[in-house]
Amino acid sequence: MANTPQAKKRIRRNDRRAEVNGNRVGRIRTFIKKVESAIAAGDKGAATTALAAAQPELARGVAKGVFHKNTASRKFARLTKAVTALG
């Protein structure tokens, strides 16, 4: 249990940051799912549009520290490859 004022403050801060970061990750997942559902439906136009919207969200996740840059790069590359394969 935290005894010092600083440790108590860090616990409060960590709880707030965990909530914010969880919301960020959930938002990014939603954008990725939109791309994946468009790919599953075979709609290249919708998939391309959704991919264009997902890319800045992934980049923002990296900038905010909720995703590693290689993770975001891998996800974007795989989604791009899948969208391109929809001919």
Protein backbone atom coordinates (compact mmCIF):
# COMPACT_ATOMS: atom_id res chain seq x y z
CA MET A 1 0.00 0.00 0.00
CA ALA A 2 1.24 3.48 -0.85
CA ASN A 3 2.43 5.45 2.15
CA THR A 4 4.01 8.57 0.71
CA PRO A 5 2.01 11.39 -0.85
CA GLN A 6 3.91 10.99 -4.11
CA ALA A 7 3.12 7.28 -4.30
CA LYS A 8 -0.58 8.03 -3.69
CA LYS A 9 -0.52 10.67 -6.40
CA ARG A 10 1.16 8.24 -8.84
CA ILE A 11 -1.60 5.70 -8.20
CA ARG A 12 -4.27 8.31 -8.99
CA ARG A 13 -2.38 9.43 -12.11
CA ASN A 14 -1.82 5.87 -13.33
CA ASP A 15 -5.54 5.13 -13.01
CA ARG A 16 -6.43 8.19 -15.07
CA ARG A 17 -3.81 7.43 -17.74
CA ALA A 18 -4.91 3.79 -17.95
CA GLU A 19 -8.46 4.90 -18.67
CA VAL A 20 -7.37 7.40 -21.34
CA ASN A 21 -5.00 4.95 -22.99
CA GLY A 22 -7.63 2.21 -22.94
CA ASN A 23 -10.00 4.52 -24.79
CA ARG A 24 -7.29 5.30 -27.33
CA VAL A 25 -6.60 1.63 -27.99
CA GLY A 26 -10.33 0.95 -28.32
CA ARG A 27 -10.71 3.78 -30.82
CA ILE A 28 -7.83 2.44 -32.92
CA ARG A 29 -9.28 -1.07 -32.82
CA THR A 30 -12.59 0.30 -34.11
CA PHE A 31 -10.87 1.91 -37.10
CA ILE A 32 -9.00 -1.33 -37.83
CA LYS A 33 -12.22 -3.35 -37.61
CA LYS A 34 -13.87 -1.03 -40.12
CA VAL A 35 -11.08 -1.81 -42.59
CA GLU A 36 -11.27 -5.55 -41.89
CA SER A 37 -15.06 -5.65 -42.31
CA ALA A 38 -14.79 -3.81 -45.63
CA ILE A 39 -12.14 -6.31 -46.75
CA ALA A 40 -14.37 -9.21 -45.69
CA ALA A 41 -17.25 -7.71 -47.66
CA GLY A 42 -15.00 -7.35 -50.70
CA ASP A 43 -15.68 -3.62 -51.02
CA LYS A 44 -12.39 -2.10 -52.21
CA GLY A 45 -13.65 1.50 -52.19
CA ALA A 46 -14.87 1.33 -48.61
CA ALA A 47 -11.74 -0.54 -47.55
CA THR A 48 -9.50 2.11 -49.10
CA THR A 49 -11.43 4.90 -47.40
CA ALA A 50 -11.37 3.10 -44.05
CA LEU A 51 -7.65 2.42 -44.42
CA ALA A 52 -6.98 6.10 -45.09
CA ALA A 53 -8.86 6.93 -41.88
CA ALA A 54 -7.10 4.22 -39.84
CA GLN A 55 -3.55 5.20 -40.77
CA PRO A 56 -3.46 8.53 -38.85
CA GLU A 57 -5.12 6.87 -35.87
CA LEU A 58 -2.39 4.23 -35.76
CA ALA A 59 0.25 6.96 -36.06
CA ARG A 60 -1.39 8.88 -33.23
CA GLY A 61 -1.34 5.74 -31.10
CA VAL A 62 2.40 5.49 -31.64
CA ALA A 63 2.90 9.17 -30.84
CA LYS A 64 0.89 8.83 -27.61
CA GLY A 65 2.78 5.70 -26.60
CA VAL A 66 -0.03 3.15 -26.63
CA PHE A 67 1.46 1.17 -29.53
CA HIS A 68 5.04 0.38 -30.44
CA LYS A 69 5.99 1.84 -33.81
CA ASN A 70 6.78 -1.59 -35.25
CA THR A 71 3.38 -2.91 -34.16
CA ALA A 72 1.58 -0.06 -35.89
CA SER A 73 3.76 -0.45 -38.97
CA ARG A 74 3.02 -4.18 -39.14
CA LYS A 75 -0.73 -3.66 -38.75
CA PHE A 76 -0.81 -0.98 -41.42
CA ALA A 77 1.30 -3.05 -43.82
CA ARG A 78 -0.93 -6.09 -43.45
CA LEU A 79 -4.10 -4.07 -43.91
CA THR A 80 -2.63 -2.33 -46.96
CA LYS A 81 -1.63 -5.66 -48.47
CA ALA A 82 -5.13 -7.05 -47.90
CA VAL A 83 -6.80 -3.99 -49.44
CA THR A 84 -4.47 -4.12 -52.44
CA ALA A 85 -5.26 -7.82 -52.95
CA LEU A 86 -8.96 -6.98 -53.40
CA GLY A 87 -8.90 -6.61 -57.12
